[in-house]
């Protein structure tokens, strides 16, 4: 288990200035949902984007996090999503 505040801190450090929406829908600090909007994702595949996030979380992904639902967007993609603007 990892407190959501610690996980959020790791993401905020790696993606400074970007939009990060992190939630633990079960409230158990084991299952997380995350949306990150970052210009750093421009010209990256979905796999490359997820690798960037996993790298930021390091060992936590293997040891402390049981489930991590992740969505990554560029700011342009986010603006074009229905209901996001």
Protein backbone atom coordinates (compact mmCIF):
# COMPACT_ATOMS: atom_id res chain seq x y z
CA UNK A 1 0.00 0.00 0.00
CA UNK A 2 1.02 3.55 -0.64
CA UNK A 3 -0.80 6.64 0.60
CA UNK A 4 -2.39 8.53 -2.26
CA UNK A 5 -0.62 11.69 -1.07
CA UNK A 6 2.76 10.04 -1.55
CA UNK A 7 1.85 8.74 -5.00
CA UNK A 8 0.53 12.17 -5.98
CA UNK A 9 3.77 13.77 -4.78
CA UNK A 10 5.84 11.47 -6.97
CA UNK A 11 3.73 12.33 -10.01
CA UNK A 12 3.76 16.07 -9.26
CA UNK A 13 7.54 16.02 -9.00
CA UNK A 14 7.91 14.25 -12.35
CA UNK A 15 5.20 16.23 -14.14
CA UNK A 16 5.65 19.68 -12.62
CA UNK A 17 3.14 22.19 -13.91
CA UNK A 18 1.01 19.54 -15.62
CA UNK A 19 -2.54 18.53 -14.77
CA UNK A 20 -2.74 15.41 -12.61
CA UNK A 21 -6.02 13.95 -11.43
CA UNK A 22 -5.39 11.01 -9.09
CA UNK A 23 -8.11 9.17 -7.23
CA UNK A 24 -8.42 6.03 -5.13
CA UNK A 25 -12.02 5.04 -5.91
CA UNK A 26 -12.03 2.24 -3.34
CA UNK A 27 -10.30 4.41 -0.76
CA UNK A 28 -7.80 1.66 -0.02
CA UNK A 29 -4.49 3.14 -1.25
CA UNK A 30 -4.07 0.05 -3.45
CA UNK A 31 -6.32 0.84 -6.42
CA UNK A 32 -5.86 4.11 -8.29
CA UNK A 33 -7.26 5.98 -11.28
CA UNK A 34 -5.09 8.64 -12.85
CA UNK A 35 -5.43 11.17 -15.66
CA UNK A 36 -2.41 13.23 -16.66
CA UNK A 37 -2.51 16.07 -19.19
CA UNK A 38 0.95 17.08 -20.33
CA UNK A 39 2.59 18.68 -23.36
CA UNK A 40 5.43 16.20 -22.74
CA UNK A 41 3.20 13.53 -24.26
CA UNK A 42 3.21 15.25 -27.65
CA UNK A 43 4.46 12.87 -30.40
CA UNK A 44 4.62 9.95 -27.93
CA UNK A 45 2.73 6.69 -28.32
CA UNK A 46 0.40 5.54 -25.57
CA UNK A 47 3.01 2.97 -24.51
CA UNK A 48 5.74 5.64 -24.34
CA UNK A 49 3.47 7.91 -22.29
CA UNK A 50 2.68 5.15 -19.83
CA UNK A 51 6.35 4.26 -19.57
CA UNK A 52 7.07 7.88 -18.62
CA UNK A 53 4.53 7.67 -15.80
CA UNK A 54 5.72 4.26 -14.62
CA UNK A 55 9.29 5.53 -14.57
CA UNK A 56 8.20 8.43 -12.37
CA UNK A 57 6.60 5.97 -9.93
CA UNK A 58 9.56 3.60 -9.93
CA UNK A 59 9.37 0.64 -7.57
CA UNK A 60 5.97 1.72 -6.27
CA UNK A 61 4.40 0.18 -9.37
CA UNK A 62 5.84 -3.22 -8.50
CA UNK A 63 5.60 -3.12 -4.73
CA UNK A 64 2.92 -0.79 -3.41
CA UNK A 65 0.31 -0.29 -6.15
CA UNK A 66 -2.07 -3.15 -6.88
CA UNK A 67 -4.09 -1.54 -9.70
CA UNK A 68 -3.41 1.65 -11.63
CA UNK A 69 -5.83 2.80 -14.34
CA UNK A 70 -4.04 5.44 -16.38
CA UNK A 71 -5.10 7.85 -19.11
CA UNK A 72 -2.67 10.29 -20.68
CA UNK A 73 -3.45 13.24 -22.94
CA UNK A 74 -1.76 16.18 -24.55
CA UNK A 75 -3.44 19.52 -23.77
CA UNK A 76 -4.89 19.57 -27.30
CA UNK A 77 -6.33 16.08 -26.94
CA UNK A 78 -7.81 17.04 -23.57
CA UNK A 79 -9.47 20.14 -24.99
CA UNK A 80 -11.05 18.07 -27.75
CA UNK A 81 -12.54 15.46 -25.44
CA UNK A 82 -16.31 15.70 -25.13
CA UNK A 83 -17.23 17.29 -21.82
CA UNK A 84 -13.70 18.34 -20.88
CA UNK A 85 -13.97 21.99 -21.78
